Amino acid sequence: MENANDIPFGPGHPRYEEAQALESTVRVVRKAQGKKNPEDFPYGSPAWRDADEDYMRDLLRALGGNPDEIRG
């Protein structure tokens, strides 16, 4: 019998499914808050970069982190 540690990370792996659910949840919550997601803008545009950074900050918050503690 295989356990979760034996399944390659990807579709079907429990952690992969959790990551997909978290990613989708953050996108839906952002839309409900009136925020745009990166895919709402042309890839690489200044607006895309701003939305991408803001999305990543929200994703980090959803993981329990504090994006203000990260220095770039």
Protein backbone atom coordinates (compact mmCIF):
# COMPACT_ATOMS: atom_id res chain seq x y z
CA MET A 1 0.00 0.00 0.00
CA GLU A 2 1.30 3.46 -0.87
CA ASN A 3 1.24 6.25 1.65
CA ALA A 4 1.25 9.98 0.90
CA ASN A 5 5.04 10.12 1.20
CA ASP A 6 5.43 7.58 -1.63
CA ILE A 7 3.27 9.49 -4.13
CA PRO A 8 5.25 11.98 -6.27
CA PHE A 9 4.25 15.56 -5.55
CA GLY A 10 1.72 16.59 -8.16
CA PRO A 11 -1.93 15.93 -8.94
CA GLY A 12 -3.22 13.25 -6.61
CA HIS A 13 -0.77 14.01 -3.81
CA PRO A 14 -2.59 15.23 -0.67
CA ARG A 15 -0.26 18.20 -0.19
CA TYR A 16 -0.68 19.21 -3.83
CA GLU A 17 -4.45 19.18 -3.43
CA GLU A 18 -4.13 21.30 -0.26
CA ALA A 19 -1.89 23.79 -2.06
CA GLN A 20 -4.38 24.03 -4.94
CA ALA A 21 -7.24 24.63 -2.50
CA LEU A 22 -5.30 27.33 -0.65
CA GLU A 23 -4.35 29.06 -3.90
CA SER A 24 -7.96 29.04 -5.10
CA THR A 25 -9.22 30.30 -1.75
CA VAL A 26 -6.83 33.25 -1.75
CA ARG A 27 -7.93 34.19 -5.29
CA VAL A 28 -11.64 34.00 -4.38
CA VAL A 29 -11.18 36.02 -1.18
CA ARG A 30 -9.23 38.68 -3.09
CA LYS A 31 -12.05 38.96 -5.65
CA ALA A 32 -14.59 39.26 -2.82
CA GLN A 33 -12.49 42.08 -1.36
CA GLY A 34 -12.52 43.86 -4.72
CA LYS A 35 -8.85 43.15 -5.39
CA LYS A 36 -7.53 42.10 -8.78
CA ASN A 37 -5.51 38.93 -9.30
CA PRO A 38 -2.43 38.78 -11.54
CA GLU A 39 -4.31 37.02 -14.35
CA ASP A 40 -6.57 40.08 -14.63
CA PHE A 41 -3.70 41.96 -16.30
CA PRO A 42 -1.38 41.33 -19.25
CA TYR A 43 1.53 39.18 -18.10
CA GLY A 44 4.59 41.22 -17.19
CA SER A 45 2.84 44.59 -17.26
CA PRO A 46 3.35 47.01 -14.35
CA ALA A 47 -0.23 46.31 -13.19
CA TRP A 48 0.45 42.56 -13.34
CA ARG A 49 3.61 42.99 -11.25
CA ASP A 50 1.74 45.02 -8.63
CA ALA A 51 -1.11 42.50 -8.46
CA ASP A 52 1.34 39.60 -8.36
CA GLU A 53 3.23 41.06 -5.41
CA ASP A 54 -0.02 41.85 -3.57
CA TYR A 55 -1.31 38.32 -4.29
CA MET A 56 1.90 36.77 -2.94
CA ARG A 57 1.61 38.87 0.21
CA ASP A 58 -1.97 37.62 0.70
CA LEU A 59 -0.85 34.03 0.07
CA LEU A 60 1.88 34.38 2.69
CA ARG A 61 -0.70 35.75 5.14
CA ALA A 62 -2.94 32.73 4.41
CA LEU A 63 0.02 30.50 5.30
CA GLY A 64 0.34 32.30 8.64
CA GLY A 65 3.29 34.49 7.73
CA ASN A 66 3.84 38.22 7.90
CA PRO A 67 4.90 39.71 4.57
CA ASP A 68 6.08 42.86 6.34
CA GLU A 69 8.91 40.82 7.91
CA ILE A 70 10.39 40.07 4.49
CA ARG A 71 12.94 42.49 3.15
CA GLY A 72 13.57 42.71 -0.56
